[in-house]
Amino acid sequence: MQRKTISYAKYGYYFSIPFVLTFLIFALYPLVYTVFIGFTDLRGLMKTDINILEFPFDNFKAVLTSPSFQKAMSNTLIIWIFNFIPQILVALLLTAWFTNRHLKVRAQGLFKVLIYMPNIITAATIALLFYSLFGYPKGPINDIMLAFGWIDSPMNFHLQKWTARGVVAFIQFWMWYGHTMIILIAGVLGINPTLFEAAEIDGASATQIFFRVTLPRLKTILLYSLVTSMIGGLTMFDIPRLFLLGGPDNATLTTSVYIYNQAFSGSYLYNRAAAASLIMFIIIAILSSFLFFIMRDKDSVLQRKRERKMRMVARAKAREVAV
């Protein structure tokens, strides 16, 4: 007698229906609609009819030639660079410290929790905290600098361009270096421990092991950190918006704050905001592709080329034999 088999595969599709519907309604549809209205004249709260522009790329031209967008783009790049470079360096140093086989750091769990904790605090809380820390004329930072004689009179950090940018960059660094450290530590723990043991037997120092064994095998993790940090940096919104509302003199105006202002302030230029969003998407895609290219595994690429060449030679020989 043949036994009837029960296929449970269909139940997987049933359980995935809520996610698929949520993705279609709250992710895919807004994305497609945003791309569409970037080519239209949609603006204003009471407008109901939408018309595609006679010159569809007018919105994109207006955004790219806008001094405010250019300022926001330069601010975004400056703030991201000034927070990511120290972020990755500190994360690498902490990773080397925590994963060193000889140091055997005690209370690692406590240190990791304390370092990671800023990442789970809400952005609004952090913005208010740092606004108070750098308060003028009375604030903890001003009081400390006056007590040590570093300044003669209180500084208004909120009204100076570079200090405002520096504070925003420091906040971003402080919030995310713990997150980057945790990812790097996870990558190190995934490396075969026999490689470290072999290096130690050969007499390699801790520094040599880190740069010659650990870092080369963290390339994929570093690429992930670079790409995610770049995406987060080019779309940063909460801290610049909540800390100084883009001021002073648009010194902390980022592209995401610019898009928000275009869509929900003044004339409600939804078409310009959509065009700016699509421009940022294209910029992020290009930069991500560039990072993937420069950090690719060259050995594996060469190996694939050799295999492809060998297959082509084998096919050519097979055709010759057939003839």
Protein backbone atom coordinates (compact mmCIF):
# COMPACT_ATOMS: atom_id res chain seq x y z
CA MET A 1 0.00 0.00 0.00
CA GLN A 2 1.21 3.49 -0.83
CA ARG A 3 1.34 5.95 2.05
CA LYS A 4 -0.04 9.39 1.51
CA THR A 5 2.56 12.09 2.05
CA ILE A 6 1.64 15.45 3.51
CA SER A 7 3.36 18.53 2.09
CA TYR A 8 3.86 21.26 4.62
CA ALA A 9 5.51 23.65 2.12
CA LYS A 10 2.26 25.50 1.47
CA TYR A 11 2.01 26.56 5.12
CA GLY A 12 5.24 28.52 4.74
CA TYR A 13 3.57 30.57 2.01
CA TYR A 14 0.53 31.13 4.24
CA PHE A 15 2.67 32.43 7.10
CA SER A 16 4.57 34.76 4.75
CA ILE A 17 1.39 36.46 3.48
CA PRO A 18 1.27 39.10 6.30
CA PHE A 19 4.88 40.11 5.60
CA VAL A 20 4.31 40.25 1.84
CA LEU A 21 1.20 42.39 2.24
CA THR A 22 2.95 44.71 4.71
CA PHE A 23 5.91 45.08 2.36
CA LEU A 24 3.70 45.80 -0.66
CA ILE A 25 1.56 48.38 1.15
CA PHE A 26 4.09 50.14 3.38
CA ALA A 27 7.36 49.75 1.42
CA LEU A 28 6.99 48.99 -2.27
CA TYR A 29 3.96 51.21 -2.97
CA PRO A 30 5.45 54.33 -1.26
CA LEU A 31 8.72 53.73 -3.11
CA VAL A 32 7.06 53.47 -6.54
CA TYR A 33 4.76 56.43 -5.76
CA THR A 34 7.73 58.56 -4.67
CA VAL A 35 9.52 57.83 -7.94
CA PHE A 36 6.36 58.72 -9.87
CA ILE A 37 5.64 62.06 -8.18
CA GLY A 38 9.25 63.12 -8.78
CA PHE A 39 8.20 63.66 -12.41
CA THR A 40 4.96 65.50 -11.62
CA ASP A 41 3.73 68.90 -10.44
CA LEU A 42 2.39 67.63 -7.08
CA ARG A 43 2.64 70.35 -4.45
CA GLY A 44 0.40 71.86 -1.79
CA LEU A 45 -1.95 70.26 0.73
CA MET A 46 -5.20 70.77 -1.21
CA LYS A 47 -4.03 69.65 -4.67
CA THR A 48 -5.91 66.61 -5.96
CA ASP A 49 -4.96 66.36 -9.64
CA ILE A 50 -1.46 65.23 -10.58
CA ASN A 51 0.09 65.96 -13.97
CA ILE A 52 3.37 64.76 -15.40
CA LEU A 53 5.56 67.74 -16.27
CA GLU A 54 6.16 68.73 -19.86
CA PHE A 55 9.87 68.37 -19.13
CA PRO A 56 9.85 65.42 -16.66
CA PHE A 57 13.32 66.13 -15.24
CA ASP A 58 12.60 69.73 -14.23
CA ASN A 59 12.28 68.79 -10.56
CA PHE A 60 15.62 67.01 -10.60
CA LYS A 61 17.28 69.98 -12.32
CA ALA A 62 15.78 72.38 -9.78
CA VAL A 63 17.01 70.26 -6.86
CA LEU A 64 20.54 69.79 -8.23
CA THR A 65 20.92 73.51 -8.93
CA SER A 66 19.44 74.54 -5.58
CA PRO A 67 22.06 76.17 -3.28
CA SER A 68 20.24 74.69 -0.27
CA PHE A 69 20.55 71.14 -1.62
CA GLN A 70 24.21 71.65 -2.50
CA LYS A 71 24.81 73.00 1.01
CA ALA A 72 22.94 70.06 2.53
CA MET A 73 24.96 67.60 0.45
CA SER A 74 28.30 69.09 1.52
CA ASN A 75 27.19 69.22 5.18
CA THR A 76 26.11 65.58 5.04
CA LEU A 77 29.44 64.43 3.61
CA ILE A 78 31.46 66.51 6.11
CA ILE A 79 29.49 65.28 9.13
CA TRP A 80 29.62 61.66 7.94
CA ILE A 81 33.39 61.71 7.32
CA PHE A 82 34.11 63.36 10.67
CA ASN A 83 32.04 60.77 12.54
CA PHE A 84 32.88 57.62 10.57
CA ILE A 85 36.70 57.85 10.58
CA PRO A 86 37.01 57.99 14.41
CA GLN A 87 34.11 55.53 14.68
CA ILE A 88 35.84 52.78 12.68
CA LEU A 89 39.24 53.47 14.28
CA VAL A 90 37.91 53.30 17.85
CA ALA A 91 35.82 50.24 17.00
CA LEU A 92 38.89 48.47 15.59
CA LEU A 93 40.97 49.37 18.67
CA LEU A 94 38.28 48.08 21.02
CA THR A 95 37.88 44.95 18.92
CA ALA A 96 41.62 44.27 19.12
CA TRP A 97 41.50 44.86 22.89
CA PHE A 98 38.51 42.60 23.59
CA THR A 99 39.66 39.77 21.32
CA ASN A 100 43.32 39.73 22.39
CA ARG A 101 44.05 36.19 23.61
CA HIS A 102 46.73 37.33 26.07
CA LEU A 103 45.03 40.30 27.75
CA LYS A 104 41.97 38.32 28.87
CA VAL A 105 39.96 41.45 29.66
CA ARG A 106 37.66 40.96 32.63
CA ALA A 107 34.02 42.06 32.75
CA GLN A 108 33.85 42.14 28.96
CA GLY A 109 30.08 41.83 29.01
CA LEU A 110 29.71 44.93 31.19
CA PHE A 111 32.07 46.97 29.01
CA LYS A 112 30.26 45.92 25.83
CA VAL A 113 26.87 46.81 27.27
CA LEU A 114 28.08 50.26 28.39
CA ILE A 115 29.74 50.95 25.03
CA TYR A 116 26.70 49.78 23.05
CA MET A 117 24.14 51.51 25.25
CA PRO A 118 24.13 54.93 23.43
CA ASN A 119 22.84 53.10 20.35
CA ILE A 120 19.60 52.09 22.07
CA ILE A 121 18.81 55.52 23.56
CA THR A 122 16.26 57.49 21.54
CA ALA A 123 17.60 60.23 19.30
CA ALA A 124 15.32 62.83 20.90
CA THR A 125 16.78 62.09 24.32
CA ILE A 126 20.35 62.33 23.05
CA ALA A 127 19.64 65.57 21.19
CA LEU A 128 18.22 67.20 24.32
CA LEU A 129 21.10 65.84 26.42
CA PHE A 130 23.80 67.33 24.19
CA TYR A 131 21.88 70.57 23.73
CA SER A 132 22.03 70.98 27.51
CA LEU A 133 25.67 69.85 27.78
CA PHE A 134 26.75 72.51 25.28
CA GLY A 135 24.39 75.14 26.67
CA TYR A 136 25.21 78.84 26.66
CA PRO A 137 26.13 80.73 28.79
CA LYS A 138 25.83 78.02 31.47
CA GLY A 139 26.47 74.44 30.54
CA PRO A 140 28.71 71.58 31.76
CA ILE A 141 31.09 71.84 28.78
CA ASN A 142 31.48 75.61 29.16
CA ASP A 143 31.94 75.25 32.92
CA ILE A 144 34.69 72.62 32.50
CA MET A 145 36.53 74.65 29.84
CA LEU A 146 36.36 77.79 31.99
CA ALA A 147 37.56 75.90 35.07
CA PHE A 148 40.64 74.60 33.25
CA GLY A 149 41.32 78.00 31.70
CA TRP A 150 40.93 76.77 28.11
CA ILE A 151 38.61 79.68 27.27
CA ASP A 152 38.22 83.18 28.71
CA SER A 153 34.47 83.49 28.22
CA PRO A 154 31.62 81.05 27.52
CA MET A 155 31.35 79.78 23.94
CA ASN A 156 28.03 79.59 22.13
CA PHE A 157 28.49 76.26 20.35
CA HIS A 158 25.03 76.54 18.81
CA LEU A 159 25.82 79.69 16.82
CA GLN A 160 29.16 78.66 15.30
CA LYS A 161 29.13 76.55 12.15
CA TRP A 162 32.07 74.24 12.78
CA THR A 163 31.33 73.67 16.45
CA ALA A 164 27.71 72.83 15.58
CA ARG A 165 28.86 70.39 12.89
CA GLY A 166 31.46 68.97 15.26
CA VAL A 167 28.88 68.33 17.98
CA VAL A 168 26.53 66.59 15.51
CA ALA A 169 29.42 64.47 14.18
CA PHE A 170 30.47 63.57 17.74
CA ILE A 171 26.91 62.56 18.62
CA GLN A 172 26.75 60.29 15.57
CA PHE A 173 30.14 58.79 16.49
CA TRP A 174 29.14 58.29 20.13
CA MET A 175 25.88 56.60 19.16
CA TRP A 176 27.29 54.18 16.59
CA TYR A 177 30.86 53.19 17.49
CA GLY A 178 29.58 50.54 19.91
CA HIS A 179 27.37 49.06 17.21
CA THR A 180 30.34 48.87 14.81
CA MET A 181 32.50 47.32 17.54
CA ILE A 182 29.97 44.55 18.21
CA ILE A 183 29.82 43.69 14.49
CA LEU A 184 33.62 43.57 14.22
CA ILE A 185 33.94 41.41 17.34
CA ALA A 186 31.39 38.98 15.87
CA GLY A 187 33.50 38.85 12.70
CA VAL A 188 36.69 38.12 14.66
CA LEU A 189 34.98 35.33 16.63
CA GLY A 190 34.02 33.74 13.32
CA ILE A 191 37.67 33.37 12.24
CA ASN A 192 39.17 29.90 12.62
CA PRO A 193 41.16 30.00 15.94
CA THR A 194 43.82 27.66 14.53
CA LEU A 195 45.03 30.57 12.37
CA PHE A 196 45.82 32.59 15.49
CA GLU A 197 47.48 29.61 17.15
CA ALA A 198 49.65 29.00 14.08
CA ALA A 199 50.68 32.67 13.98
CA GLU A 200 51.61 32.58 17.69
CA ILE A 201 53.69 29.44 17.17
CA ASP A 202 55.52 31.20 14.35
CA GLY A 203 56.38 34.01 16.78
CA ALA A 204 54.05 36.72 15.48
CA SER A 205 53.29 39.58 17.88
CA ALA A 206 49.76 40.67 18.77
CA THR A 207 50.06 43.64 16.41
CA GLN A 208 51.26 41.45 13.55
CA ILE A 209 48.45 38.97 14.16
CA PHE A 210 45.85 41.74 14.09
CA PHE A 211 47.12 43.34 10.87
CA ARG A 212 48.23 40.18 9.03
CA VAL A 213 45.62 37.64 10.17
CA THR A 214 42.59 39.41 11.62
CA LEU A 215 42.10 42.43 9.34
CA PRO A 216 42.38 40.57 6.00
CA ARG A 217 39.64 38.19 7.17
CA LEU A 218 37.42 41.06 8.29
CA LYS A 219 37.19 42.54 4.79
CA THR A 220 33.58 41.41 4.32
CA ILE A 221 32.58 42.74 7.75
CA LEU A 222 34.39 46.02 7.10
CA LEU A 223 32.60 46.34 3.77
CA TYR A 224 29.28 45.81 5.54
CA SER A 225 30.18 48.47 8.11
CA LEU A 226 31.28 50.90 5.40
CA VAL A 227 28.14 50.49 3.33
CA THR A 228 25.69 50.62 6.24
CA SER A 229 27.52 53.60 7.78
CA MET A 230 27.50 55.42 4.45
CA ILE A 231 23.78 54.81 3.99
CA GLY A 232 23.09 55.92 7.57
CA GLY A 233 25.38 58.93 7.23
CA LEU A 234 23.87 60.14 3.95
CA THR A 235 20.34 59.75 5.35
CA MET A 236 20.92 61.12 8.87
CA PHE A 237 17.90 63.06 10.00
CA ASP A 238 16.99 62.81 13.67
CA ILE A 239 20.05 64.35 15.37
CA PRO A 240 20.54 67.32 12.95
CA ARG A 241 16.79 67.98 12.97
CA LEU A 242 16.26 67.71 16.73
CA PHE A 243 19.55 69.25 17.86
CA LEU A 244 19.64 72.57 15.99
CA LEU A 245 16.92 72.28 13.31
CA GLY A 246 19.62 72.49 10.62
CA GLY A 247 21.20 75.68 11.95
CA PRO A 248 23.18 77.80 12.41
CA ASP A 249 23.04 79.26 8.89
CA ASN A 250 22.19 75.78 7.53
CA ALA A 251 25.52 74.45 8.88
CA THR A 252 23.86 71.21 10.08
CA LEU A 253 21.28 71.00 7.28
CA THR A 254 21.53 67.46 5.89
CA THR A 255 19.91 66.02 2.78
CA SER A 256 17.21 64.24 4.80
CA VAL A 257 16.36 67.45 6.67
CA TYR A 258 16.28 69.25 3.30
CA ILE A 259 13.85 66.64 1.93
CA TYR A 260 11.68 66.97 5.04
CA ASN A 261 11.62 70.76 4.74
CA GLN A 262 10.67 70.57 1.06
CA ALA A 263 7.81 68.16 1.70
CA PHE A 264 6.37 69.40 4.99
CA SER A 265 7.32 73.07 5.28
CA GLY A 266 6.35 76.18 3.35
CA SER A 267 4.81 75.31 -0.02
CA TYR A 268 4.75 71.53 0.52
CA LEU A 269 6.81 70.72 -2.57
CA TYR A 270 6.21 66.98 -2.64
CA ASN A 271 7.56 66.72 -6.18
CA ARG A 272 10.86 68.38 -5.26
CA ALA A 273 11.17 66.23 -2.13
CA ALA A 274 10.56 63.07 -4.18
CA ALA A 275 13.14 64.17 -6.76
CA ALA A 276 15.71 64.84 -4.02
CA SER A 277 14.99 61.41 -2.50
CA LEU A 278 15.56 59.71 -5.85
CA ILE A 279 18.78 61.66 -6.37
CA MET A 280 20.06 60.49 -2.96
CA PHE A 281 19.07 56.92 -3.81
CA ILE A 282 21.13 57.08 -7.02
CA ILE A 283 24.11 58.63 -5.18
CA ILE A 284 24.00 55.93 -2.47
CA ALA A 285 23.73 53.17 -5.10
CA ILE A 286 26.76 54.53 -7.00
CA LEU A 287 28.88 54.92 -3.85
CA SER A 288 27.88 51.45 -2.62
CA SER A 289 28.87 49.92 -5.96
CA PHE A 290 32.20 51.75 -5.77
CA LEU A 291 32.85 50.38 -2.27
CA PHE A 292 31.99 46.86 -3.40
CA PHE A 293 34.39 47.27 -6.33
CA ILE A 294 37.40 48.56 -4.37
CA MET A 295 36.95 46.02 -1.55
CA ARG A 296 36.28 43.01 -3.75
CA ASP A 297 38.26 39.82 -3.22
CA LYS A 298 40.80 40.10 -6.05
CA ASP A 299 42.00 36.50 -5.63
CA SER A 300 38.51 35.09 -6.11
CA VAL A 301 37.98 37.37 -9.12
CA LEU A 302 41.21 36.10 -10.71
CA GLN A 303 40.20 32.52 -9.91
CA ARG A 304 36.82 32.99 -11.63
CA LYS A 305 38.57 34.47 -14.67
CA ARG A 306 40.91 31.47 -14.86
CA GLU A 307 38.00 29.04 -14.57
CA ARG A 308 36.08 30.92 -17.27
CA LYS A 309 39.12 30.85 -19.55
CA MET A 310 39.59 27.13 -18.95
CA ARG A 311 35.93 26.46 -19.80
CA MET A 312 36.26 28.48 -23.00
CA VAL A 313 39.40 26.53 -23.97
CA ALA A 314 37.65 23.23 -23.21
CA ARG A 315 34.65 24.21 -25.37
CA ALA A 316 36.97 25.24 -28.22
CA LYS A 317 38.77 21.88 -28.07
CA ALA A 318 35.45 20.06 -27.97
CA ARG A 319 34.30 21.89 -31.12
CA GLU A 320 37.60 21.04 -32.87
CA VAL A 321 37.17 17.36 -32.01
CA ALA A 322 33.57 17.44 -33.25
CA VAL A 323 34.67 18.94 -36.58
